[in-house]
């Protein structure tokens, strides 16, 4: 069976005006097929092939983040027209990284995240777009309110019990902890742009400076504390340094919500992994059990 890139290679080459000389698969995504692609003009680009829902959201979010002064990959090309390509694809600049996440880099992530969270987006949940994602007709989160989004995650938890990936005791605890959540003090009247998967692997540093925040396929609208919860999975020291550059991140009510937000994030990820046919369950289950205090 042809890989996703093999299906679009000729289209990508024609768009970029250069022949493809190498295509190295990059593991890590259950929804997309990702490739590091070398061209005969010595350029290297990153190509994502997959569902429009994620690729369009990523293309739009990258444009918004760039406009806000956040270092992200440049969108080189995006195509979803079935008359042009058999499957949607997104081509991005390949950014350098030395993987050295110093305190200064993490602090810069906090400042960048604050800028991302200044971008208001109607609705809550994963970004939905109508039209060209670089010039869309409309953009909004898929749910009308934050509690509606949280409710969708509680339904995910119910589904996970039915397929044996969560215990009934865990689902009951999740529902109890999530009761009455309307958002953190960081959230205003509207949702804001969220990266929604902010982890060390998605942060690119070079020589002590932040050069890029990558992988925006989960871009969503909602409570800024959702991004802080995801970032906090890297440990309390990371969250503390982010908070140094993000006013309000250490608010007691934000801190109170972070554990249940982590649980809900991991329940969502676990449900997504199951529905996509993956089997990488253990890390999500372990985090859920840890934050709930239940084995």
C-alpha atoms as a PDB file:
ATOM      1  CA  UNK A   1       0.000   0.000   0.000  1.00  0.00           C
ATOM      2  CA  UNK A   2       1.299   3.452  -0.910  1.00  0.00           C
ATOM      3  CA  UNK A   3       2.169   5.796   1.933  1.00  0.00           C
ATOM      4  CA  UNK A   4       0.323   9.060   2.270  1.00  0.00           C
ATOM      5  CA  UNK A   5       3.325  10.912   0.909  1.00  0.00           C
ATOM      6  CA  UNK A   6       3.661   8.635  -2.115  1.00  0.00           C
ATOM      7  CA  UNK A   7       0.077   9.537  -2.976  1.00  0.00           C
ATOM      8  CA  UNK A   8       0.829  13.260  -2.972  1.00  0.00           C
ATOM      9  CA  UNK A   9       4.551  13.358  -3.857  1.00  0.00           C
ATOM     10  CA  UNK A  10       4.032  14.470  -7.452  1.00  0.00           C
ATOM     11  CA  UNK A  11       1.590  17.180  -6.375  1.00  0.00           C
ATOM     12  CA  UNK A  12       3.969  18.472  -3.682  1.00  0.00           C
ATOM     13  CA  UNK A  13       6.897  18.514  -6.123  1.00  0.00           C
ATOM     14  CA  UNK A  14       4.877  20.438  -8.707  1.00  0.00           C
ATOM     15  CA  UNK A  15       3.726  22.955  -6.101  1.00  0.00           C
ATOM     16  CA  UNK A  16       7.251  23.528  -4.765  1.00  0.00           C
ATOM     17  CA  UNK A  17       8.923  23.482  -8.166  1.00  0.00           C
ATOM     18  CA  UNK A  18      11.519  20.915  -7.120  1.00  0.00           C
ATOM     19  CA  UNK A  19      11.936  17.159  -7.338  1.00  0.00           C
ATOM     20  CA  UNK A  20      11.650  14.994  -4.231  1.00  0.00           C
ATOM     21  CA  UNK A  21      14.907  13.160  -3.488  1.00  0.00           C
ATOM     22  CA  UNK A  22      14.060  11.679  -0.065  1.00  0.00           C
ATOM     23  CA  UNK A  23      11.060  11.145   2.196  1.00  0.00           C
ATOM     24  CA  UNK A  24      11.689   9.973   5.755  1.00  0.00           C
ATOM     25  CA  UNK A  25       8.599   8.965   7.801  1.00  0.00           C
ATOM     26  CA  UNK A  26       8.347  10.713  11.173  1.00  0.00           C
ATOM     27  CA  UNK A  27       6.488   8.596  13.766  1.00  0.00           C
ATOM     28  CA  UNK A  28       4.290   9.933  16.533  1.00  0.00           C
ATOM     29  CA  UNK A  29       0.885  10.749  15.052  1.00  0.00           C
ATOM     30  CA  UNK A  30      -2.082   8.385  15.013  1.00  0.00           C
ATOM     31  CA  UNK A  31      -4.140  10.653  12.722  1.00  0.00           C
ATOM     32  CA  UNK A  32      -1.608  12.006  10.196  1.00  0.00           C
ATOM     33  CA  UNK A  33       1.276  10.584   8.222  1.00  0.00           C
ATOM     34  CA  UNK A  34       4.265  12.893   8.634  1.00  0.00           C
ATOM     35  CA  UNK A  35       7.431  13.029   6.520  1.00  0.00           C
ATOM     36  CA  UNK A  36      10.741  14.867   6.469  1.00  0.00           C
ATOM     37  CA  UNK A  37      11.201  15.529   2.745  1.00  0.00           C
ATOM     38  CA  UNK A  38      14.385  16.467   0.899  1.00  0.00           C
ATOM     39  CA  UNK A  39      14.225  18.346  -2.417  1.00  0.00           C
ATOM     40  CA  UNK A  40      16.733  18.555  -5.248  1.00  0.00           C
ATOM     41  CA  UNK A  41      17.259  22.280  -4.622  1.00  0.00           C
ATOM     42  CA  UNK A  42      18.740  21.417  -1.181  1.00  0.00           C
ATOM     43  CA  UNK A  43      15.616  22.439   0.711  1.00  0.00           C
ATOM     44  CA  UNK A  44      14.157  20.230   3.457  1.00  0.00           C
ATOM     45  CA  UNK A  45      10.454  20.527   4.322  1.00  0.00           C
ATOM     46  CA  UNK A  46       7.986  18.811   6.628  1.00  0.00           C
ATOM     47  CA  UNK A  47       4.938  17.281   4.932  1.00  0.00           C
ATOM     48  CA  UNK A  48       1.777  16.211   6.737  1.00  0.00           C
ATOM     49  CA  UNK A  49      -0.822  14.059   5.002  1.00  0.00           C
ATOM     50  CA  UNK A  50      -4.145  13.381   6.692  1.00  0.00           C
ATOM     51  CA  UNK A  51      -7.692  14.504   7.460  1.00  0.00           C
ATOM     52  CA  UNK A  52      -8.755  18.040   6.630  1.00  0.00           C
ATOM     53  CA  UNK A  53     -10.023  18.618  10.188  1.00  0.00           C
ATOM     54  CA  UNK A  54      -6.506  18.603  11.626  1.00  0.00           C
ATOM     55  CA  UNK A  55      -4.497  19.981   8.712  1.00  0.00           C
ATOM     56  CA  UNK A  56      -6.805  22.944   8.106  1.00  0.00           C
ATOM     57  CA  UNK A  57      -6.863  23.786  11.823  1.00  0.00           C
ATOM     58  CA  UNK A  58      -3.076  23.647  11.931  1.00  0.00           C
ATOM     59  CA  UNK A  59      -2.618  25.833   8.844  1.00  0.00           C
ATOM     60  CA  UNK A  60      -4.978  28.462  10.266  1.00  0.00           C
ATOM     61  CA  UNK A  61      -3.467  28.364  13.756  1.00  0.00           C
ATOM     62  CA  UNK A  62       0.061  28.766  12.382  1.00  0.00           C
ATOM     63  CA  UNK A  63      -0.991  31.868  10.463  1.00  0.00           C
ATOM     64  CA  UNK A  64      -2.583  33.331  13.605  1.00  0.00           C
ATOM     65  CA  UNK A  65       0.419  32.522  15.778  1.00  0.00           C
ATOM     66  CA  UNK A  66       2.782  34.079  13.238  1.00  0.00           C
ATOM     67  CA  UNK A  67       0.720  37.272  13.195  1.00  0.00           C
ATOM     68  CA  UNK A  68       0.929  37.364  17.007  1.00  0.00           C
ATOM     69  CA  UNK A  69       4.729  37.179  16.915  1.00  0.00           C
ATOM     70  CA  UNK A  70       5.004  33.558  18.038  1.00  0.00           C
ATOM     71  CA  UNK A  71       7.821  31.511  16.455  1.00  0.00           C
ATOM     72  CA  UNK A  72       6.196  28.716  14.444  1.00  0.00           C
ATOM     73  CA  UNK A  73       6.896  26.934  11.144  1.00  0.00           C
ATOM     74  CA  UNK A  74       5.970  28.818   7.989  1.00  0.00           C
ATOM     75  CA  UNK A  75       3.192  27.300   5.881  1.00  0.00           C
ATOM     76  CA  UNK A  76       4.855  26.584   2.522  1.00  0.00           C
ATOM     77  CA  UNK A  77       1.798  25.001   0.896  1.00  0.00           C
ATOM     78  CA  UNK A  78      -1.624  23.624   1.772  1.00  0.00           C
ATOM     79  CA  UNK A  79      -3.953  21.725  -0.539  1.00  0.00           C
ATOM     80  CA  UNK A  80      -7.227  19.913   0.013  1.00  0.00           C
ATOM     81  CA  UNK A  81      -8.980  20.249  -3.371  1.00  0.00           C
ATOM     82  CA  UNK A  82      -9.798  16.698  -4.529  1.00  0.00           C
ATOM     83  CA  UNK A  83      -9.368  17.865  -8.131  1.00  0.00           C
ATOM     84  CA  UNK A  84      -5.712  18.594  -7.325  1.00  0.00           C
ATOM     85  CA  UNK A  85      -4.687  15.994  -4.716  1.00  0.00           C
ATOM     86  CA  UNK A  86      -6.097  12.607  -3.634  1.00  0.00           C
ATOM     87  CA  UNK A  87      -5.714  13.519   0.059  1.00  0.00           C
ATOM     88  CA  UNK A  88      -5.134  16.822   1.888  1.00  0.00           C
ATOM     89  CA  UNK A  89      -1.545  17.787   2.621  1.00  0.00           C
ATOM     90  CA  UNK A  90       0.290  20.543   4.482  1.00  0.00           C
ATOM     91  CA  UNK A  91       3.899  21.542   3.753  1.00  0.00           C
ATOM     92  CA  UNK A  92       5.869  23.387   6.443  1.00  0.00           C
ATOM     93  CA  UNK A  93       9.343  24.824   6.795  1.00  0.00           C
ATOM     94  CA  UNK A  94      11.594  22.499   8.784  1.00  0.00           C
ATOM     95  CA  UNK A  95      12.878  24.410  11.815  1.00  0.00           C
ATOM     96  CA  UNK A  96      16.201  23.679  13.563  1.00  0.00           C
ATOM     97  CA  UNK A  97      16.467  22.469  17.149  1.00  0.00           C
ATOM     98  CA  UNK A  98      19.245  21.437  19.519  1.00  0.00           C
ATOM     99  CA  UNK A  99      16.648  20.008  21.984  1.00  0.00           C
ATOM    100  CA  UNK A 100      18.197  21.927  24.921  1.00  0.00           C
ATOM    101  CA  UNK A 101      15.184  23.264  26.836  1.00  0.00           C
ATOM    102  CA  UNK A 102      16.892  25.694  29.185  1.00  0.00           C
ATOM    103  CA  UNK A 103      14.962  27.697  31.767  1.00  0.00           C
ATOM    104  CA  UNK A 104      15.212  30.686  29.439  1.00  0.00           C
ATOM    105  CA  UNK A 105      13.600  28.752  26.603  1.00  0.00           C
ATOM    106  CA  UNK A 106      10.771  27.559  28.838  1.00  0.00           C
ATOM    107  CA  UNK A 107      10.251  31.125  30.062  1.00  0.00           C
ATOM    108  CA  UNK A 108      10.000  32.233  26.416  1.00  0.00           C
ATOM    109  CA  UNK A 109       7.329  29.562  25.921  1.00  0.00           C
ATOM    110  CA  UNK A 110       5.301  31.207  28.687  1.00  0.00           C
ATOM    111  CA  UNK A 111       5.537  34.590  26.971  1.00  0.00           C
ATOM    112  CA  UNK A 112       4.654  33.052  23.595  1.00  0.00           C
ATOM    113  CA  UNK A 113       1.696  31.220  25.100  1.00  0.00           C
ATOM    114  CA  UNK A 114       0.374  34.472  26.536  1.00  0.00           C
ATOM    115  CA  UNK A 115       0.429  35.951  23.014  1.00  0.00           C
ATOM    116  CA  UNK A 116      -1.363  32.909  21.593  1.00  0.00           C
ATOM    117  CA  UNK A 117      -4.039  33.292  24.251  1.00  0.00           C
ATOM    118  CA  UNK A 118      -4.663  36.890  23.182  1.00  0.00           C
ATOM    119  CA  UNK A 119      -6.280  35.537  19.979  1.00  0.00           C
ATOM    120  CA  UNK A 120     -10.029  35.243  20.540  1.00  0.00           C
ATOM    121  CA  UNK A 121     -11.924  32.424  18.807  1.00  0.00           C
ATOM    122  CA  UNK A 122     -15.716  31.945  18.984  1.00  0.00           C
ATOM    123  CA  UNK A 123     -16.861  28.703  20.545  1.00  0.00           C
ATOM    124  CA  UNK A 124     -14.926  26.020  22.391  1.00  0.00           C
ATOM    125  CA  UNK A 125     -13.232  22.760  21.461  1.00  0.00           C
ATOM    126  CA  UNK A 126     -11.386  21.755  18.309  1.00  0.00           C
ATOM    127  CA  UNK A 127     -11.197  24.437  15.615  1.00  0.00           C
ATOM    128  CA  UNK A 128     -13.655  24.049  12.745  1.00  0.00           C
ATOM    129  CA  UNK A 129     -13.176  26.073   9.559  1.00  0.00           C
ATOM    130  CA  UNK A 130     -15.219  26.786   6.463  1.00  0.00           C
ATOM    131  CA  UNK A 131     -13.281  27.642   3.312  1.00  0.00           C
ATOM    132  CA  UNK A 132      -9.562  28.082   2.710  1.00  0.00           C
ATOM    133  CA  UNK A 133      -7.858  27.877   6.135  1.00  0.00           C
ATOM    134  CA  UNK A 134      -5.479  30.696   5.204  1.00  0.00           C
ATOM    135  CA  UNK A 135      -8.457  32.946   4.347  1.00  0.00           C
ATOM    136  CA  UNK A 136     -11.436  31.160   5.929  1.00  0.00           C
ATOM    137  CA  UNK A 137     -15.076  32.125   5.629  1.00  0.00           C
ATOM    138  CA  UNK A 138     -15.613  31.219   9.284  1.00  0.00           C
ATOM    139  CA  UNK A 139     -13.674  29.856  12.250  1.00  0.00           C
ATOM    140  CA  UNK A 140     -15.039  28.577  15.550  1.00  0.00           C
ATOM    141  CA  UNK A 141     -14.723  25.895  18.191  1.00  0.00           C
ATOM    142  CA  UNK A 142     -17.110  22.997  17.733  1.00  0.00           C
ATOM    143  CA  UNK A 143     -19.055  23.629  20.979  1.00  0.00           C
ATOM    144  CA  UNK A 144     -20.971  26.708  22.058  1.00  0.00           C
ATOM    145  CA  UNK A 145     -19.701  26.854  25.648  1.00  0.00           C
ATOM    146  CA  UNK A 146     -16.827  25.520  27.725  1.00  0.00           C
ATOM    147  CA  UNK A 147     -19.175  23.360  29.850  1.00  0.00           C
ATOM    148  CA  UNK A 148     -20.478  21.776  26.630  1.00  0.00           C
ATOM    149  CA  UNK A 149     -16.911  20.919  25.664  1.00  0.00           C
ATOM    150  CA  UNK A 150     -16.256  19.456  29.119  1.00  0.00           C
ATOM    151  CA  UNK A 151     -19.477  17.458  28.769  1.00  0.00           C
ATOM    152  CA  UNK A 152     -18.163  15.924  25.540  1.00  0.00           C
ATOM    153  CA  UNK A 153     -15.090  14.718  27.429  1.00  0.00           C
ATOM    154  CA  UNK A 154     -17.270  13.152  30.120  1.00  0.00           C
ATOM    155  CA  UNK A 155     -19.018  11.222  27.350  1.00  0.00           C
ATOM    156  CA  UNK A 156     -15.585  10.114  26.149  1.00  0.00           C
ATOM    157  CA  UNK A 157     -14.931   8.778  29.652  1.00  0.00           C
ATOM    158  CA  UNK A 158     -18.202   6.814  29.564  1.00  0.00           C
ATOM    159  CA  UNK A 159     -17.189   5.283  26.231  1.00  0.00           C
ATOM    160  CA  UNK A 160     -13.794   4.338  27.646  1.00  0.00           C
ATOM    161  CA  UNK A 161     -15.451   2.398  30.465  1.00  0.00           C
ATOM    162  CA  UNK A 162     -17.537   0.475  27.929  1.00  0.00           C
ATOM    163  CA  UNK A 163     -14.431  -0.662  26.028  1.00  0.00           C
ATOM    164  CA  UNK A 164     -12.465  -1.466  29.181  1.00  0.00           C
ATOM    165  CA  UNK A 165      -9.918   1.358  29.026  1.00  0.00           C
ATOM    166  CA  UNK A 166     -11.152   3.105  32.196  1.00  0.00           C
ATOM    167  CA  UNK A 167     -12.735   1.654  35.311  1.00  0.00           C
ATOM    168  CA  UNK A 168     -16.217   2.638  36.436  1.00  0.00           C
ATOM    169  CA  UNK A 169     -14.624   3.995  39.627  1.00  0.00           C
ATOM    170  CA  UNK A 170     -12.349   6.259  37.594  1.00  0.00           C
ATOM    171  CA  UNK A 171     -15.231   7.511  35.432  1.00  0.00           C
ATOM    172  CA  UNK A 172     -17.274   8.337  38.547  1.00  0.00           C
ATOM    173  CA  UNK A 173     -14.334  10.253  40.024  1.00  0.00           C
ATOM    174  CA  UNK A 174     -13.817  12.176  36.777  1.00  0.00           C
ATOM    175  CA  UNK A 175     -17.474  13.170  36.671  1.00  0.00           C
ATOM    176  CA  UNK A 176     -17.373  14.265  40.320  1.00  0.00           C
ATOM    177  CA  UNK A 177     -14.222  16.372  39.899  1.00  0.00           C
ATOM    178  CA  UNK A 178     -15.489  17.981  36.673  1.00  0.00           C
ATOM    179  CA  UNK A 179     -18.887  18.938  38.063  1.00  0.00           C
ATOM    180  CA  UNK A 180     -19.620  22.647  37.755  1.00  0.00           C
ATOM    181  CA  UNK A 181     -16.534  23.580  35.710  1.00  0.00           C
ATOM    182  CA  UNK A 182     -17.151  26.834  33.837  1.00  0.00           C
ATOM    183  CA  UNK A 183     -13.548  27.817  33.155  1.00  0.00           C
ATOM    184  CA  UNK A 184     -10.620  29.356  34.995  1.00  0.00           C
ATOM    185  CA  UNK A 185     -10.043  33.027  35.928  1.00  0.00           C
ATOM    186  CA  UNK A 186      -7.841  33.252  32.812  1.00  0.00           C
ATOM    187  CA  UNK A 187     -10.839  32.809  30.520  1.00  0.00           C
ATOM    188  CA  UNK A 188     -12.810  35.839  29.365  1.00  0.00           C
ATOM    189  CA  UNK A 189     -16.165  36.042  27.616  1.00  0.00           C
ATOM    190  CA  UNK A 190     -14.807  34.252  24.542  1.00  0.00           C
ATOM    191  CA  UNK A 191     -12.646  31.234  23.971  1.00  0.00           C
ATOM    192  CA  UNK A 192      -9.066  31.848  22.870  1.00  0.00           C
ATOM    193  CA  UNK A 193      -6.720  29.976  20.566  1.00  0.00           C
ATOM    194  CA  UNK A 194      -5.156  26.960  22.271  1.00  0.00           C
ATOM    195  CA  UNK A 195      -2.268  24.830  21.055  1.00  0.00           C
ATOM    196  CA  UNK A 196      -3.838  21.941  23.016  1.00  0.00           C
ATOM    197  CA  UNK A 197      -0.771  19.665  22.970  1.00  0.00           C
ATOM    198  CA  UNK A 198       2.015  21.765  24.459  1.00  0.00           C
ATOM    199  CA  UNK A 199       4.765  19.341  25.459  1.00  0.00           C
ATOM    200  CA  UNK A 200       8.587  19.385  25.294  1.00  0.00           C
ATOM    201  CA  UNK A 201       8.691  17.489  21.984  1.00  0.00           C
ATOM    202  CA  UNK A 202       6.760  20.355  20.384  1.00  0.00           C
ATOM    203  CA  UNK A 203       9.188  23.056  21.560  1.00  0.00           C
ATOM    204  CA  UNK A 204      12.238  23.802  19.420  1.00  0.00           C
ATOM    205  CA  UNK A 205      15.231  25.637  20.945  1.00  0.00           C
ATOM    206  CA  UNK A 206      18.577  26.646  19.455  1.00  0.00           C
ATOM    207  CA  UNK A 207      21.406  28.152  21.514  1.00  0.00           C
ATOM    208  CA  UNK A 208      19.130  28.975  24.432  1.00  0.00           C
ATOM    209  CA  UNK A 209      16.419  30.652  22.350  1.00  0.00           C
ATOM    210  CA  UNK A 210      12.945  29.437  21.401  1.00  0.00           C
ATOM    211  CA  UNK A 211      12.919  28.934  17.622  1.00  0.00           C
ATOM    212  CA  UNK A 212       9.567  27.250  17.182  1.00  0.00           C
ATOM    213  CA  UNK A 213       6.403  25.778  18.662  1.00  0.00           C
ATOM    214  CA  UNK A 214       5.277  22.973  16.367  1.00  0.00           C
ATOM    215  CA  UNK A 215       2.436  20.495  15.797  1.00  0.00           C
ATOM    216  CA  UNK A 216      -0.733  22.593  15.927  1.00  0.00           C
ATOM    217  CA  UNK A 217      -3.065  19.906  14.573  1.00  0.00           C
ATOM    218  CA  UNK A 218      -5.060  19.844  17.825  1.00  0.00           C
ATOM    219  CA  UNK A 219      -5.602  23.632  17.745  1.00  0.00           C
ATOM    220  CA  UNK A 220      -8.699  24.458  19.748  1.00  0.00           C
ATOM    221  CA  UNK A 221     -10.656  27.286  21.326  1.00  0.00           C
ATOM    222  CA  UNK A 222     -11.286  27.571  25.040  1.00  0.00           C
ATOM    223  CA  UNK A 223      -9.815  28.176  28.479  1.00  0.00           C
ATOM    224  CA  UNK A 224      -6.109  29.183  28.552  1.00  0.00           C
ATOM    225  CA  UNK A 225      -5.665  26.929  31.588  1.00  0.00           C
ATOM    226  CA  UNK A 226      -6.162  23.943  29.260  1.00  0.00           C
ATOM    227  CA  UNK A 227      -2.768  24.660  27.664  1.00  0.00           C
ATOM    228  CA  UNK A 228      -1.193  25.163  31.079  1.00  0.00           C
ATOM    229  CA  UNK A 229      -2.563  21.793  32.190  1.00  0.00           C
ATOM    230  CA  UNK A 230      -0.995  20.064  29.197  1.00  0.00           C
ATOM    231  CA  UNK A 231       2.308  21.851  29.781  1.00  0.00           C
ATOM    232  CA  UNK A 232       2.255  20.885  33.463  1.00  0.00           C
ATOM    233  CA  UNK A 233       2.508  17.201  32.499  1.00  0.00           C
ATOM    234  CA  UNK A 234       6.215  17.907  31.943  1.00  0.00           C
ATOM    235  CA  UNK A 235       6.512  18.550  35.686  1.00  0.00           C
ATOM    236  CA  UNK A 236       5.975  21.316  38.258  1.00  0.00           C
ATOM    237  CA  UNK A 237       9.307  22.992  37.485  1.00  0.00           C
ATOM    238  CA  UNK A 238       8.262  23.563  33.867  1.00  0.00           C
ATOM    239  CA  UNK A 239       4.934  25.050  34.938  1.00  0.00           C
ATOM    240  CA  UNK A 240       6.636  27.299  37.496  1.00  0.00           C
ATOM    241  CA  UNK A 241       8.993  28.741  34.865  1.00  0.00           C
ATOM    242  CA  UNK A 242       6.174  29.225  32.346  1.00  0.00           C
ATOM    243  CA  UNK A 243       4.227  31.100  35.032  1.00  0.00           C
ATOM    244  CA  UNK A 244       7.125  33.539  35.457  1.00  0.00           C
ATOM    245  CA  UNK A 245       6.296  34.901  31.984  1.00  0.00           C
ATOM    246  CA  UNK A 246       2.535  34.313  32.094  1.00  0.00           C
ATOM    247  CA  UNK A 247       0.680  36.588  34.552  1.00  0.00           C
ATOM    248  CA  UNK A 248      -2.136  34.758  36.315  1.00  0.00           C
ATOM    249  CA  UNK A 249      -0.876  31.266  35.555  1.00  0.00           C
ATOM    250  CA  UNK A 250      -0.191  30.685  39.250  1.00  0.00           C
ATOM    251  CA  UNK A 251      -3.646  31.861  40.389  1.00  0.00           C
ATOM    252  CA  UNK A 252      -4.930  29.460  43.103  1.00  0.00           C
ATOM    253  CA  UNK A 253      -8.111  28.693  41.148  1.00  0.00           C
ATOM    254  CA  UNK A 254      -6.065  27.898  38.040  1.00  0.00           C
ATOM    255  CA  UNK A 255      -3.889  25.599  40.147  1.00  0.00           C
ATOM    256  CA  UNK A 256      -7.000  23.890  41.533  1.00  0.00           C
ATOM    257  CA  UNK A 257      -8.316  23.160  38.041  1.00  0.00           C
ATOM    258  CA  UNK A 258      -5.099  21.840  36.519  1.00  0.00           C
ATOM    259  CA  UNK A 259      -5.367  18.238  37.844  1.00  0.00           C
ATOM    260  CA  UNK A 260      -8.896  17.669  36.508  1.00  0.00           C
ATOM    261  CA  UNK A 261      -7.981  19.404  33.246  1.00  0.00           C
ATOM    262  CA  UNK A 262      -5.053  16.976  32.952  1.00  0.00           C
ATOM    263  CA  UNK A 263      -7.406  14.054  33.560  1.00  0.00           C
ATOM    264  CA  UNK A 264      -9.882  15.314  30.958  1.00  0.00           C
ATOM    265  CA  UNK A 265      -7.101  15.957  28.431  1.00  0.00           C
ATOM    266  CA  UNK A 266      -5.800  12.426  28.859  1.00  0.00           C
ATOM    267  CA  UNK A 267      -9.290  10.923  28.635  1.00  0.00           C
ATOM    268  CA  UNK A 268      -9.789  12.798  25.364  1.00  0.00           C
ATOM    269  CA  UNK A 269      -6.411  11.587  24.055  1.00  0.00           C
ATOM    270  CA  UNK A 270      -7.140   8.015  25.131  1.00  0.00           C
ATOM    271  CA  UNK A 271     -10.513   8.055  23.363  1.00  0.00           C
ATOM    272  CA  UNK A 272      -8.925   9.523  20.225  1.00  0.00           C
ATOM    273  CA  UNK A 273      -6.203   6.872  20.220  1.00  0.00           C
ATOM    274  CA  UNK A 274      -8.798   4.096  20.555  1.00  0.00           C
ATOM    275  CA  UNK A 275     -11.083   5.455  17.829  1.00  0.00           C
ATOM    276  CA  UNK A 276      -8.155   5.937  15.445  1.00  0.00           C
ATOM    277  CA  UNK A 277      -7.193   2.286  15.828  1.00  0.00           C
ATOM    278  CA  UNK A 278      -4.044   2.905  17.862  1.00  0.00           C
ATOM    279  CA  UNK A 279      -2.865   1.003  20.913  1.00  0.00           C
ATOM    280  CA  UNK A 280      -0.769   3.576  22.776  1.00  0.00           C
ATOM    281  CA  UNK A 281      -3.024   3.566  25.835  1.00  0.00           C
ATOM    282  CA  UNK A 282      -0.777   3.036  28.850  1.00  0.00           C
ATOM    283  CA  UNK A 283       0.687   6.542  29.162  1.00  0.00           C
ATOM    284  CA  UNK A 284      -2.766   8.166  29.171  1.00  0.00           C
ATOM    285  CA  UNK A 285      -4.156   5.600  31.614  1.00  0.00           C
ATOM    286  CA  UNK A 286      -1.188   6.075  33.941  1.00  0.00           C
ATOM    287  CA  UNK A 287      -1.607   9.863  34.020  1.00  0.00           C
ATOM    288  CA  UNK A 288      -5.349   9.585  34.666  1.00  0.00           C
ATOM    289  CA  UNK A 289      -4.814   7.163  37.545  1.00  0.00           C
ATOM    290  CA  UNK A 290      -2.092   9.372  39.030  1.00  0.00           C
ATOM    291  CA  UNK A 291      -4.129  12.593  39.009  1.00  0.00           C
ATOM    292  CA  UNK A 292      -7.228  10.831  40.346  1.00  0.00           C
ATOM    293  CA  UNK A 293      -5.251   8.954  42.993  1.00  0.00           C
ATOM    294  CA  UNK A 294      -6.831   5.716  41.747  1.00  0.00           C
ATOM    295  CA  UNK A 295      -5.106   2.667  40.324  1.00  0.00           C
END
